[in-house]
């Protein structure tokens, strides 16, 4: 929530948030932080963990007494937090009840291209999509959201998104009691009219940027802290805005994971930057009875774009008088070797302009890159214009350089989305998956959703090594896009 008199007055009057439970009011924070329900079904007799998701329209009271139209998954706004384990066979029944064609993309997952949920896997209205795959990756905080061609910004903004947590039996002991010492923090900016309805205006350079922030769909939230250490899973689920997250008192916390998994060791920080689609896991310490704000502070440099500016208070954290002890974060979090391509690794270069990659807009019938399964390559991203970021489906990467220098220490873990500031050059070491399909592409794109919808996206297929030259670069136009 931004410090604006209108919304502060509403919050102080109890007219804010999705949950109106009584609680302390700190800087207008009078609404208990909503914790999305956890969907963790048991493995059935056939050895499959089955999830049922219904995408539907509804109404949500961001301001109590003022119901407004929203979209949600198994509810009226946002979706449940999904949980699965490495080695699980997972199956989904995704029912589209929103009335428009859409998709559901599993952001951060390693899976066959036909299960990816990109613009080629459209779910028609009143139909059910049934993807199924085996979880074969380490512990990570992933998420899911629509990815329909040219309509992603609208569908995500209306509320179709949720977290997808992956556990690994080999992971170290970390806080993991969901909603207690393991807290989801889904950050989204909105713009409301006087009725409390979300304003939709997706034009302009960056599309819609809001002046008010929701966390987990809650306006003006507070959270009661009951343990000495808390793990926060941060997700920037906004359409375009970039956040600099830290605490109002500038306390140091530990970053333990980036998009695609755990860091080798915890890294101390007092502020972390998240562009749309990025996730970070942090662990913070608390003392009995204290009160502190989780905040976002904007970039004040002359070169910052509008989406990088602005200060927002996110959540008021109120520690109980007595706290349960939680052990310190282990000194070693992961022993997985970093992604390290060979000296003669393939180098691919991508130039980012306004709404294009390599001077070409997105074409659903064109294959832009052909990648051998299991390859480790260097991808160089050259941003020649205003702020962007870059996401690669079904791949993990290590950020080697930003403008010729090593990235911040907390960004040196495995990732799938990278912030690319204005006029910056980023060098990535990318490791691709092993699922092959010469006719079904994965995507790479800017995750500023206005840019993605306007065509700042490309396609690649993963094929058996040695067969790259025989792959057609043309695909038939999908029937639902003709």
Protein backbone atom coordinates (compact mmCIF):
# COMPACT_ATOMS: atom_id res chain seq x y z
CA UNK A 1 0.00 0.00 0.00
CA UNK A 2 1.41 3.36 -0.96
CA UNK A 3 1.41 6.18 1.55
CA UNK A 4 -1.42 8.11 0.00
CA UNK A 5 -3.97 10.00 2.04
CA UNK A 6 -7.05 8.55 0.29
CA UNK A 7 -6.14 4.90 0.79
CA UNK A 8 -4.64 5.47 4.23
CA UNK A 9 -7.92 7.02 5.32
CA UNK A 10 -9.82 4.04 3.95
CA UNK A 11 -7.52 1.60 5.71
CA UNK A 12 -7.75 3.44 9.04
CA UNK A 13 -11.52 3.32 8.70
CA UNK A 14 -11.36 -0.43 8.20
CA UNK A 15 -12.21 -0.11 4.49
CA UNK A 16 -9.31 -2.10 3.08
CA UNK A 17 -8.23 -5.61 2.20
CA UNK A 18 -9.82 -8.95 1.40
CA UNK A 19 -9.92 -10.09 5.04
CA UNK A 20 -11.40 -7.71 7.58
CA UNK A 21 -10.33 -9.55 10.72
CA UNK A 22 -9.64 -7.20 13.58
CA UNK A 23 -6.04 -6.49 14.44
CA UNK A 24 -3.53 -3.77 15.15
CA UNK A 25 -3.42 -0.80 12.82
CA UNK A 26 0.09 0.36 11.90
CA UNK A 27 0.41 3.04 9.23
CA UNK A 28 -3.03 2.03 7.98
CA UNK A 29 -2.37 -1.73 8.15
CA UNK A 30 -5.57 -3.09 9.68
CA UNK A 31 -6.26 -6.23 7.61
CA UNK A 32 -4.87 -9.65 8.35
CA UNK A 33 -2.62 -10.90 5.54
CA UNK A 34 -4.49 -13.47 3.53
CA UNK A 35 -2.57 -16.74 3.18
CA UNK A 36 -3.65 -18.55 0.00
CA UNK A 37 -4.95 -22.04 0.81
CA UNK A 38 -2.49 -24.88 0.38
CA UNK A 39 -3.39 -27.55 -2.19
CA UNK A 40 -1.32 -30.63 -1.42
CA UNK A 41 -3.33 -33.71 -2.45
CA UNK A 42 -2.15 -37.19 -1.45
CA UNK A 43 -0.72 -39.61 -3.97
CA UNK A 44 -3.53 -41.81 -5.24
CA UNK A 45 -3.55 -45.57 -5.83
CA UNK A 46 -2.03 -45.12 -9.28
CA UNK A 47 0.93 -43.20 -7.83
CA UNK A 48 -0.20 -39.78 -9.08
CA UNK A 49 -0.73 -36.54 -7.17
CA UNK A 50 -3.87 -35.03 -8.75
CA UNK A 51 -4.82 -31.35 -8.67
CA UNK A 52 -8.13 -29.81 -9.71
CA UNK A 53 -8.09 -26.13 -10.69
CA UNK A 54 -11.07 -24.07 -11.86
CA UNK A 55 -10.40 -20.70 -13.50
CA UNK A 56 -13.50 -18.62 -12.94
CA UNK A 57 -15.05 -15.19 -12.65
CA UNK A 58 -16.22 -13.83 -9.32
CA UNK A 59 -16.34 -10.80 -7.10
CA UNK A 60 -13.84 -9.73 -4.46
CA UNK A 61 -14.10 -7.06 -1.78
CA UNK A 62 -10.71 -5.38 -1.78
CA UNK A 63 -12.63 -2.60 0.01
CA UNK A 64 -15.22 -4.28 2.29
CA UNK A 65 -18.75 -3.60 1.20
CA UNK A 66 -17.59 -2.82 -2.34
CA UNK A 67 -17.54 -6.11 -4.31
CA UNK A 68 -15.89 -5.77 -7.71
CA UNK A 69 -15.39 -8.14 -10.64
CA UNK A 70 -12.26 -10.31 -10.49
CA UNK A 71 -10.96 -13.63 -11.79
CA UNK A 72 -9.56 -16.39 -9.60
CA UNK A 73 -8.54 -20.03 -9.44
CA UNK A 74 -10.65 -22.14 -7.05
CA UNK A 75 -11.78 -18.82 -5.63
CA UNK A 76 -12.56 -15.25 -6.64
CA UNK A 77 -9.00 -13.87 -6.71
CA UNK A 78 -5.58 -15.56 -7.08
CA UNK A 79 -5.25 -19.32 -6.70
CA UNK A 80 -4.21 -21.86 -4.10
CA UNK A 81 -0.56 -22.54 -3.35
CA UNK A 82 0.30 -25.90 -4.93
CA UNK A 83 2.85 -28.23 -3.34
CA UNK A 84 4.65 -31.25 -4.80
CA UNK A 85 7.89 -33.15 -4.28
CA UNK A 86 10.77 -34.13 -6.49
CA UNK A 87 9.92 -37.46 -8.11
CA UNK A 88 6.15 -36.94 -7.92
CA UNK A 89 3.95 -37.71 -10.87
CA UNK A 90 1.50 -34.79 -11.00
CA UNK A 91 -1.71 -34.52 -13.02
CA UNK A 92 -4.02 -31.54 -13.40
CA UNK A 93 -7.60 -30.97 -14.42
CA UNK A 94 -7.68 -27.27 -15.37
CA UNK A 95 -11.23 -26.11 -16.07
CA UNK A 96 -11.67 -22.82 -17.94
CA UNK A 97 -14.80 -21.09 -16.63
CA UNK A 98 -13.83 -17.46 -17.35
CA UNK A 99 -15.60 -17.35 -20.73
CA UNK A 100 -12.50 -16.41 -22.75
CA UNK A 101 -9.79 -18.66 -24.20
CA UNK A 102 -6.79 -18.76 -21.88
CA UNK A 103 -3.87 -20.96 -20.84
CA UNK A 104 -2.10 -21.91 -17.62
CA UNK A 105 1.70 -21.79 -17.70
CA UNK A 106 3.86 -23.45 -15.03
CA UNK A 107 6.54 -20.77 -14.65
CA UNK A 108 9.86 -22.29 -13.58
CA UNK A 109 8.95 -25.93 -14.30
CA UNK A 110 11.03 -28.42 -16.30
CA UNK A 111 8.46 -30.34 -18.32
CA UNK A 112 7.53 -31.43 -21.85
CA UNK A 113 6.67 -28.54 -24.16
CA UNK A 114 3.10 -29.79 -24.73
CA UNK A 115 2.51 -29.46 -20.96
CA UNK A 116 4.09 -26.01 -20.63
CA UNK A 117 0.89 -23.97 -20.87
CA UNK A 118 2.24 -21.38 -23.26
CA UNK A 119 0.27 -19.74 -26.09
CA UNK A 120 0.11 -23.03 -28.03
CA UNK A 121 -1.80 -24.86 -25.27
CA UNK A 122 -5.01 -22.82 -25.30
CA UNK A 123 -7.87 -23.95 -23.05
CA UNK A 124 -11.16 -23.15 -24.78
CA UNK A 125 -14.05 -21.78 -22.69
CA UNK A 126 -15.92 -24.47 -20.74
CA UNK A 127 -13.25 -27.08 -21.47
CA UNK A 128 -10.71 -28.93 -19.33
CA UNK A 129 -6.97 -29.23 -19.98
CA UNK A 130 -5.24 -32.25 -18.44
CA UNK A 131 -1.43 -31.90 -18.38
CA UNK A 132 0.64 -34.53 -16.57
CA UNK A 133 4.37 -34.84 -15.93
CA UNK A 134 6.97 -36.01 -13.42
CA UNK A 135 8.63 -33.44 -11.16
CA UNK A 136 12.35 -33.76 -11.88
CA UNK A 137 14.00 -30.70 -10.37
CA UNK A 138 15.29 -29.50 -7.04
CA UNK A 139 13.38 -27.56 -4.40
CA UNK A 140 12.17 -24.21 -5.74
CA UNK A 141 9.47 -21.57 -5.51
CA UNK A 142 7.71 -21.63 -8.88
CA UNK A 143 4.38 -20.09 -9.86
CA UNK A 144 1.57 -20.48 -12.38
CA UNK A 145 -0.30 -17.93 -14.47
CA UNK A 146 -2.03 -17.58 -17.87
CA UNK A 147 0.03 -17.12 -21.04
CA UNK A 148 -2.53 -16.52 -23.84
CA UNK A 149 -1.21 -14.82 -26.95
CA UNK A 150 -1.63 -11.02 -26.65
CA UNK A 151 -3.87 -11.31 -23.54
CA UNK A 152 -1.48 -12.30 -20.75
CA UNK A 153 -1.44 -8.85 -19.09
CA UNK A 154 -5.21 -8.72 -18.81
CA UNK A 155 -5.64 -12.27 -17.47
CA UNK A 156 -2.88 -12.01 -14.85
CA UNK A 157 -4.00 -8.54 -13.73
CA UNK A 158 -7.55 -9.78 -13.16
CA UNK A 159 -6.25 -12.34 -10.66
CA UNK A 160 -5.18 -15.60 -12.32
CA UNK A 161 -1.93 -16.51 -10.54
CA UNK A 162 -0.61 -18.65 -7.69
CA UNK A 163 2.52 -20.16 -6.18
CA UNK A 164 3.78 -23.69 -6.90
CA UNK A 165 6.21 -24.95 -4.23
CA UNK A 166 8.58 -27.83 -4.96
CA UNK A 167 10.15 -29.80 -2.12
CA UNK A 168 13.21 -32.02 -2.30
CA UNK A 169 14.05 -34.73 0.26
CA UNK A 170 17.72 -33.77 -0.10
CA UNK A 171 17.11 -30.10 0.80
CA UNK A 172 18.46 -28.80 4.12
CA UNK A 173 16.28 -28.11 7.16
CA UNK A 174 14.60 -24.74 6.63
CA UNK A 175 11.38 -23.14 7.90
CA UNK A 176 8.56 -24.87 6.01
CA UNK A 177 5.39 -24.70 8.14
CA UNK A 178 3.21 -23.03 5.56
CA UNK A 179 1.52 -19.88 6.79
CA UNK A 180 3.42 -19.92 10.09
CA UNK A 181 7.17 -19.68 9.51
CA UNK A 182 7.01 -20.13 5.70
CA UNK A 183 5.03 -17.21 4.28
CA UNK A 184 3.99 -16.54 0.67
CA UNK A 185 4.35 -12.87 -0.37
CA UNK A 186 2.68 -12.30 -3.75
CA UNK A 187 3.22 -8.63 -4.64
CA UNK A 188 0.96 -6.90 -7.17
CA UNK A 189 0.29 -3.24 -7.93
CA UNK A 190 -3.21 -2.08 -8.81
CA UNK A 191 -5.09 1.06 -9.70
CA UNK A 192 -8.61 1.46 -8.25
CA UNK A 193 -11.46 3.75 -9.17
CA UNK A 194 -13.74 5.42 -6.63
CA UNK A 195 -15.98 2.32 -6.53
CA UNK A 196 -13.04 0.15 -5.55
CA UNK A 197 -12.93 -1.60 -8.95
CA UNK A 198 -9.60 -2.33 -10.62
CA UNK A 199 -8.86 0.03 -13.49
CA UNK A 200 -7.73 -1.73 -16.67
CA UNK A 201 -5.61 0.37 -19.00
CA UNK A 202 -2.83 -1.57 -20.69
CA UNK A 203 -1.57 0.98 -23.22
CA UNK A 204 1.66 2.97 -23.12
CA UNK A 205 5.28 1.88 -22.86
CA UNK A 206 4.85 -0.40 -19.85
CA UNK A 207 1.12 -0.96 -19.75
CA UNK A 208 -0.71 -0.61 -16.48
CA UNK A 209 1.24 0.38 -13.36
CA UNK A 210 -0.67 0.87 -10.16
CA UNK A 211 -0.40 3.34 -7.31
CA UNK A 212 -1.51 0.79 -4.69
CA UNK A 213 0.04 -2.55 -3.74
CA UNK A 214 -1.74 -5.73 -2.69
CA UNK A 215 0.04 -8.60 -0.98
CA UNK A 216 -1.68 -11.97 -1.44
CA UNK A 217 -4.71 -9.97 -2.57
CA UNK A 218 -4.84 -8.00 0.70
CA UNK A 219 -4.85 -4.22 0.94
CA UNK A 220 -3.10 -2.81 4.02
CA UNK A 221 -2.07 -6.20 5.48
CA UNK A 222 -0.54 -7.15 8.82
CA UNK A 223 0.95 -10.50 9.85
CA UNK A 224 1.44 -11.81 13.38
CA UNK A 225 4.93 -13.27 13.74
CA UNK A 226 5.09 -16.29 16.08
CA UNK A 227 8.62 -17.64 15.48
CA UNK A 228 12.14 -16.26 15.85
CA UNK A 229 12.89 -16.79 12.16
CA UNK A 230 10.53 -16.59 9.21
CA UNK A 231 11.00 -17.62 5.60
CA UNK A 232 9.34 -15.28 3.11
CA UNK A 233 8.78 -16.49 -0.47
CA UNK A 234 8.72 -13.28 -2.50
CA UNK A 235 7.02 -13.25 -5.91
CA UNK A 236 6.69 -10.20 -8.12
CA UNK A 237 3.38 -11.02 -9.84
CA UNK A 238 2.88 -7.46 -11.11
CA UNK A 239 2.46 -6.67 -14.78
CA UNK A 240 5.40 -4.28 -14.98
CA UNK A 241 6.48 -2.68 -11.69
CA UNK A 242 9.90 -3.43 -10.18
CA UNK A 243 10.32 -3.63 -6.40
CA UNK A 244 13.26 -3.11 -4.05
CA UNK A 245 12.20 -5.18 -1.04
CA UNK A 246 13.63 -4.81 2.45
CA UNK A 247 12.65 -3.78 5.97
CA UNK A 248 11.92 -0.24 7.11
CA UNK A 249 14.66 -0.45 9.76
CA UNK A 250 17.18 -1.71 7.15
CA UNK A 251 17.85 -4.89 9.10
CA UNK A 252 19.93 -7.55 7.41
CA UNK A 253 18.26 -10.76 6.32
CA UNK A 254 19.49 -13.90 4.55
CA UNK A 255 18.70 -14.68 0.92
CA UNK A 256 18.49 -18.46 0.58
CA UNK A 257 17.07 -19.07 -2.92
CA UNK A 258 16.54 -17.50 -6.32
CA UNK A 259 13.95 -18.42 -8.98
CA UNK A 260 15.09 -21.96 -9.69
CA UNK A 261 16.39 -23.13 -6.35
CA UNK A 262 18.65 -22.74 -3.36
CA UNK A 263 21.84 -20.72 -3.32
CA UNK A 264 25.02 -22.61 -2.38
CA UNK A 265 25.06 -20.67 0.92
CA UNK A 266 22.93 -17.93 2.48
CA UNK A 267 23.78 -14.36 1.44
CA UNK A 268 23.25 -11.35 3.70
CA UNK A 269 21.33 -8.42 2.22
CA UNK A 270 19.19 -5.50 3.33
CA UNK A 271 17.39 -4.92 0.01
CA UNK A 272 16.65 -7.16 -2.96
CA UNK A 273 15.33 -6.16 -6.39
CA UNK A 274 12.56 -8.13 -8.10
CA UNK A 275 11.34 -7.59 -11.65
CA UNK A 276 8.07 -9.20 -12.85
CA UNK A 277 8.14 -12.98 -12.68
CA UNK A 278 11.19 -13.19 -10.38
CA UNK A 279 11.12 -14.99 -7.03
CA UNK A 280 13.43 -14.84 -4.03
CA UNK A 281 13.35 -16.67 -0.71
CA UNK A 282 14.61 -14.80 2.34
CA UNK A 283 14.84 -15.62 6.05
CA UNK A 284 14.52 -12.82 8.61
CA UNK A 285 14.97 -12.83 12.40
CA UNK A 286 12.54 -11.30 14.89
CA UNK A 287 12.55 -10.49 18.60
CA UNK A 288 9.51 -10.74 20.90
CA UNK A 289 7.11 -7.82 20.79
CA UNK A 290 8.75 -5.88 17.96
CA UNK A 291 6.96 -4.34 15.00
CA UNK A 292 8.51 -3.67 11.59
CA UNK A 293 7.38 -2.94 8.05
CA UNK A 294 8.32 -4.96 5.00
CA UNK A 295 8.73 -2.25 2.35
CA UNK A 296 9.69 -1.60 -1.24
CA UNK A 297 11.93 1.36 -2.00
CA UNK A 298 12.24 2.59 -5.54
CA UNK A 299 15.26 3.49 -7.64
CA UNK A 300 15.87 7.24 -7.43
CA UNK A 301 18.64 7.42 -10.03
CA UNK A 302 18.20 9.73 -12.99
CA UNK A 303 18.16 6.76 -15.35
CA UNK A 304 15.27 4.93 -13.67
CA UNK A 305 12.04 4.41 -15.57
CA UNK A 306 8.65 4.99 -13.94
CA UNK A 307 8.23 1.27 -13.16
CA UNK A 308 11.42 1.33 -11.06
CA UNK A 309 10.40 4.34 -8.98
CA UNK A 310 8.02 4.65 -6.05
CA UNK A 311 8.07 3.60 -2.39
CA UNK A 312 5.43 1.19 -1.07
CA UNK A 313 4.74 -0.26 2.37
CA UNK A 314 3.96 -3.96 1.91
CA UNK A 315 3.18 -5.73 5.20
CA UNK A 316 3.24 -4.75 8.88
CA UNK A 317 4.98 -7.57 10.79
CA UNK A 318 3.98 -7.77 14.46
CA UNK A 319 5.96 -10.17 16.65
CA UNK A 320 4.14 -11.88 19.52
CA UNK A 321 5.44 -11.40 23.11
CA UNK A 322 6.71 -14.99 23.05
CA UNK A 323 8.23 -16.58 19.96
CA UNK A 324 8.90 -20.23 19.14
CA UNK A 325 12.57 -20.87 18.46
CA UNK A 326 13.49 -21.77 14.86
CA UNK A 327 17.04 -23.03 14.16
CA UNK A 328 19.50 -20.86 12.21
CA UNK A 329 19.81 -21.23 8.46
CA UNK A 330 22.40 -23.90 7.59
CA UNK A 331 25.76 -22.65 6.34
CA UNK A 332 25.49 -24.93 3.27
CA UNK A 333 22.22 -24.91 1.33
CA UNK A 334 23.08 -26.69 -1.91
CA UNK A 335 26.02 -28.68 -3.24
CA UNK A 336 24.73 -28.73 -6.82
CA UNK A 337 27.52 -27.51 -9.16
CA UNK A 338 26.81 -24.15 -10.79
CA UNK A 339 25.87 -24.02 -14.46
CA UNK A 340 29.21 -23.80 -16.26
CA UNK A 341 29.24 -24.15 -20.07
CA UNK A 342 32.38 -25.43 -21.79
CA UNK A 343 34.78 -22.86 -23.27
CA UNK A 344 33.51 -23.69 -26.77
CA UNK A 345 29.83 -23.49 -25.80
CA UNK A 346 27.34 -22.11 -28.30
CA UNK A 347 26.75 -18.35 -27.87
CA UNK A 348 23.39 -16.89 -28.86
CA UNK A 349 22.78 -13.15 -28.93
CA UNK A 350 19.48 -11.36 -28.42
CA UNK A 351 18.90 -7.66 -29.00
CA UNK A 352 15.99 -6.11 -27.11
CA UNK A 353 14.29 -3.09 -28.65
CA UNK A 354 10.91 -1.53 -27.84
CA UNK A 355 8.61 -4.53 -28.41
CA UNK A 356 10.87 -6.83 -30.44
CA UNK A 357 13.69 -9.35 -29.99
CA UNK A 358 16.36 -9.38 -32.69
CA UNK A 359 14.26 -6.84 -34.60
CA UNK A 360 11.39 -9.30 -35.13
CA UNK A 361 8.00 -9.42 -33.41
CA UNK A 362 6.57 -12.69 -32.16
CA UNK A 363 5.24 -15.12 -34.80
CA UNK A 364 3.51 -18.27 -33.54
CA UNK A 365 4.44 -20.09 -36.77
CA UNK A 366 8.17 -19.32 -36.63
CA UNK A 367 10.83 -21.28 -34.72
CA UNK A 368 13.58 -18.81 -33.81
CA UNK A 369 16.10 -21.15 -32.15
CA UNK A 370 16.79 -24.90 -32.15
CA UNK A 371 18.54 -26.21 -29.03
CA UNK A 372 19.98 -29.70 -28.42
CA UNK A 373 18.61 -31.43 -25.33
CA UNK A 374 20.70 -30.96 -22.21
CA UNK A 375 22.79 -28.21 -23.79
CA UNK A 376 24.65 -25.65 -21.71
CA UNK A 377 25.02 -22.42 -23.66
CA UNK A 378 25.84 -18.74 -23.31
CA UNK A 379 23.00 -16.32 -24.01
CA UNK A 380 23.85 -12.62 -24.32
CA UNK A 381 21.02 -10.13 -23.87
CA UNK A 382 21.63 -6.61 -25.21
CA UNK A 383 18.98 -4.11 -24.14
CA UNK A 384 19.14 -1.11 -26.49
CA UNK A 385 16.18 0.75 -25.01
CA UNK A 386 14.14 1.20 -21.81
CA UNK A 387 13.78 -1.33 -18.98
CA UNK A 388 13.02 -4.97 -19.80
CA UNK A 389 13.57 -8.37 -18.28
CA UNK A 390 14.06 -11.83 -19.83
CA UNK A 391 12.47 -15.19 -19.02
CA UNK A 392 13.30 -18.57 -20.59
CA UNK A 393 10.86 -21.48 -20.34
CA UNK A 394 12.08 -24.96 -19.33
CA UNK A 395 15.58 -23.72 -18.55
CA UNK A 396 17.67 -22.62 -15.62
CA UNK A 397 20.49 -20.14 -15.90
CA UNK A 398 23.24 -18.44 -13.95
CA UNK A 399 23.75 -14.71 -14.38
CA UNK A 400 27.42 -14.34 -15.30
CA UNK A 401 27.62 -10.59 -15.90
CA UNK A 402 25.54 -7.43 -15.89
CA UNK A 403 27.30 -4.70 -17.89
CA UNK A 404 30.55 -6.64 -17.67
CA UNK A 405 30.51 -7.05 -13.86
CA UNK A 406 29.40 -9.92 -11.64
CA UNK A 407 25.82 -9.59 -10.38
CA UNK A 408 24.96 -8.94 -6.74
CA UNK A 409 25.88 -11.96 -4.61
CA UNK A 410 22.24 -12.80 -3.88
CA UNK A 411 21.55 -13.16 -7.63
CA UNK A 412 24.19 -15.81 -8.28
CA UNK A 413 21.88 -18.76 -7.73
CA UNK A 414 19.86 -20.68 -10.36
CA UNK A 415 17.32 -18.45 -12.12
CA UNK A 416 14.82 -18.41 -14.98
CA UNK A 417 14.06 -14.66 -15.15
CA UNK A 418 16.53 -11.78 -15.10
CA UNK A 419 16.09 -8.03 -14.73
CA UNK A 420 17.67 -6.17 -17.68
CA UNK A 421 17.88 -2.43 -16.87
CA UNK A 422 17.76 0.27 -19.51
CA UNK A 423 20.69 0.00 -21.97
CA UNK A 424 22.18 -2.92 -20.04
CA UNK A 425 23.95 -6.02 -21.34
CA UNK A 426 23.46 -9.31 -19.51
CA UNK A 427 25.39 -12.56 -20.04
CA UNK A 428 23.80 -15.86 -18.97
CA UNK A 429 24.99 -19.45 -18.64
CA UNK A 430 21.88 -21.45 -19.61
CA UNK A 431 21.15 -25.13 -19.00
CA UNK A 432 18.32 -26.63 -21.05
CA UNK A 433 16.05 -29.54 -20.31
CA UNK A 434 16.00 -33.01 -21.82
CA UNK A 435 12.40 -33.26 -23.08
CA UNK A 436 12.55 -33.27 -26.89
CA UNK A 437 9.83 -32.19 -29.30
CA UNK A 438 10.72 -30.65 -32.71
CA UNK A 439 7.14 -29.49 -33.34
CA UNK A 440 6.15 -27.89 -30.01
CA UNK A 441 8.06 -24.79 -28.92
CA UNK A 442 8.96 -23.22 -25.60
CA UNK A 443 9.09 -19.44 -25.24
CA UNK A 444 11.60 -16.78 -24.26
CA UNK A 445 10.32 -13.28 -23.69
CA UNK A 446 10.23 -10.09 -21.70
CA UNK A 447 8.09 -10.66 -18.60
CA UNK A 448 6.85 -7.09 -18.57
CA UNK A 449 3.46 -8.26 -19.76
CA UNK A 450 2.66 -5.31 -22.02
CA UNK A 451 5.91 -6.01 -23.88
CA UNK A 452 5.16 -9.73 -24.12
CA UNK A 453 1.66 -9.10 -25.44
CA UNK A 454 2.98 -6.63 -28.02
CA UNK A 455 5.31 -9.26 -29.50
CA UNK A 456 8.52 -9.19 -27.44
CA UNK A 457 8.79 -12.95 -27.47
CA UNK A 458 10.52 -15.74 -29.37
CA UNK A 459 10.23 -19.52 -29.69
CA UNK A 460 12.67 -22.39 -29.45
CA UNK A 461 12.42 -26.15 -29.69
CA UNK A 462 14.54 -28.73 -27.87
CA UNK A 463 15.59 -31.68 -30.03
CA UNK A 464 17.80 -34.74 -29.87
CA UNK A 465 21.48 -33.71 -30.19
CA UNK A 466 22.69 -33.99 -33.78
CA UNK A 467 19.25 -33.48 -35.33
CA UNK A 468 19.19 -29.67 -35.21
CA UNK A 469 19.77 -29.13 -38.94
CA UNK A 470 16.81 -31.27 -39.92
CA UNK A 471 14.25 -29.31 -37.90
CA UNK A 472 11.73 -27.19 -39.78
CA UNK A 473 11.64 -23.56 -38.74
CA UNK A 474 7.96 -23.23 -39.68
CA UNK A 475 4.92 -24.37 -37.74
CA UNK A 476 1.28 -24.42 -38.87
CA UNK A 477 -0.85 -21.66 -37.43
CA UNK A 478 -2.68 -23.00 -34.36
CA UNK A 479 -6.35 -23.51 -35.16
CA UNK A 480 -7.46 -21.28 -32.31
CA UNK A 481 -5.33 -18.39 -33.62
CA UNK A 482 -6.30 -18.54 -37.31
